[in-house]
Amino acid sequence: MIDAYASTDVYAAEAAAMAGLPEGELMARAVTGLVEVARARLRAASGRRVVALVGPGNNGGDALYAAATLARDGVECAAVYLDGKVHRGALAAAIDSGVVLKPVRPESPADAAGAVVERADVVLDGIVGIGGRPGLPDFAQPWVAAIPDGAHVIAVDLPSGQDPMGEKADPGGVWADETVTFSLAKPVHLLPPTEAACGVLTVIEIGIAAPAASAVVRRLDHADVADLWPAPGPVDDKYSRGVVGIIAGGEVYTGAAVLACTAAVAAGAGMVRYVGTPAPHALVRAAVPEAVHGAGQVQAWVVGPGLDPTSAAPGAAEQIGVARDVLASDARVVLDAGGLDLLTGPRPGETLLTPHAGEAARLLTRLRDNGSVPEVSRRAVTAAPLAHARELAERTGAVVLLKGGTTLVVAPGEGAAYSQSDAPAWLATAGAGDVLAGLLGTLAASGMPLHHAGALAALVHGVAADDANPGGPVRALAVANALPHTIARLRRRA
C-alpha cells in the first residue's frame, strides 16, 4: 500500500529524520537517488545533455547538486536559476564541477533562458517544492515553455506549479514524464487530476519514517490483494460466502444484467439473485445459469446497472418497486447508474455510490437544489474530483466511488481517500461499469467495509482488464470472464 501525506506532516517527518543525521546527509541521499534516475534516463534515450531548472528552495538545491554530480562524471550539464536566490552549497558545487550556469533576473527577457533549456535531453525540474502555492511562478514560465518536446522531464518531488494537495491541476505548470520523490508520497502523486502531471512515480528511500499523522490518500497495490480478498474456508457454504442481489437491466439495456451477474459469480459470490424484466431475465438464464431469479434474502444488493426508473416496459414497474423497497430498507446496497436517480438523500442502510463525473454532477445538483444554487457541471467535478466526491459522501452518508482514469473512493468524514489507477485506457468502454458493479456486490456481500471494497474492486477490475488483452482493446464481458484468473494470480503473490 502507498500512503500519501500532507506537506506539513512530511516536513515534520523530515525534521525528525534530520535530527539524527549529520547536516546535509538527507539532501545528499536524495541527490544520490536523483542522479541514478537521471543517469538511467540518459542511457535509455541515448541523451547527452541535462538541464536543471533551479528554484530557491531545497528541490532546487537537489536539482543543482544532481547536475554538479553528473557534470563531474562527464555529462554535459547546465542550470537556469533565479539570480541571488539559489542554494549556496549547490551553486558552489555546480561552479566547481563545470556546470554551465545561466542566472536569470525576474526582469530578464522571456527568452533569456530559452537557448539553454531547449537543448536538453533530460530536464530536472526543481523550481518549487511541496510548500509552494499551486501555480507556476512568473519567473519560471519561460523556462517551462522552452522545454523541448523530446526531453525527458524529471520533477523533483513534484511537478512545479501543481497543487501539492492534488486538488486541481495547473495546465501551465510542469507536466513531467517522471516524478522522483523521497521516502514519502504526497497527495499530488496519487490524486486526479495532478497524478497525470507527475508521470511515472519513482520513490527513492532516504530514511524518512512515516509520520504519526494519518495518510491523506492511500493506494492499494497488487501485493495487498492476497490479504484483503475474501476466501472461503472449509466450513463455508454458498450462504456464508455471501449472497448478492442484483437489480439491473431492462428492455433497453439488456446486457447490463448479464455483465453484472457474470462479474458477481466470477468474483466468487456464494450465490446471485437476479431481479429484472423479461428480456434480461432470459439472457441471464442463458449466460449465467448459476443465478437464482427473484427477490429473496441477500447480504448485499446491487441496484442500477442498465436500470431505467422511467420505463413503462413490461415488468419494469415491478422491478423498480423492488429497487425502491431495497433502498427503503437497512440492507447494504451498491447503487450504480440508473439506480442513482432513485436516491434522494441518506438511506437507512450502508451504501456505496458508483457515479462517473457526469452522474456525480447530476446527483449533486439534485441534492443541492434549493432554488438558487447553480447546476453542478461535469467539468467542475472533473476539475476538482476529490472535493465533489467528499461533498457527495457527506450529503448522502454513503461511501462514494467516483469512477475515472483514476478512481477515488471516499467515506463520510475526514478519513483517507483511496485512489486507484490500475486500469488501461482501453477499459473506457461500454459495460465496464456494469462489471465493476457486480464485482463490488460480491465484496459488499462478504461483509468487507465498503470503502475497502471500493478500492479493492477498482484495483482488481483494472488488472483484469489488462489481463483480458494486455496492451490492446478489451470488451467488458472479457473483463468479467478474466476475474477468476486475475484474482487467483493476485492472491498467489502472497
Foldseek 3Di string as FASTA:
>chain_A
DAFAAAPVLLVVLVVVQVVPDPPPQLLVLLLVVVLVVVVVLCVVVVHAEEEEEAAQDSLSLSRLQNQLVVLQVPGQYEYEYAPPRHDVVSVVSNVVSVHHYQHDHQPDDLCSCLVVQLRAQEYEYSHDEQPDAAAADPSCLSSQVSHDPNHQYEYELFFHRQHQQCQFGDPSTAQGLAYEYEQHHHNLCFHPPSVRSHRHYHYHYSPRDRGPDAGQEDADDLLCLLVPQDDDDPPDALVLLWEEEELEAAPVRLCLQLLLLLLQVLSPHSAYEYEYFDPNVVVCCVRPVRHHYDDDDTQEYEDDYNQAQPDPDGRNVVSVVVLLVVQQDQHEYEYEHNSLVVDQFAHNHAYEYEEELQSLQQSCQNNVDPPPDDRRHSVNCNRRVVVSQQVVQQGHQYWYFHDDCWIWTDHHDSHHIYIYRQADPLCPDPSLVSSLSSQLSSVSRNVPPSSVSSSSSVNLLRVLQCVLPNPDHGDSNSSSNSNNVSSVVSSVVD
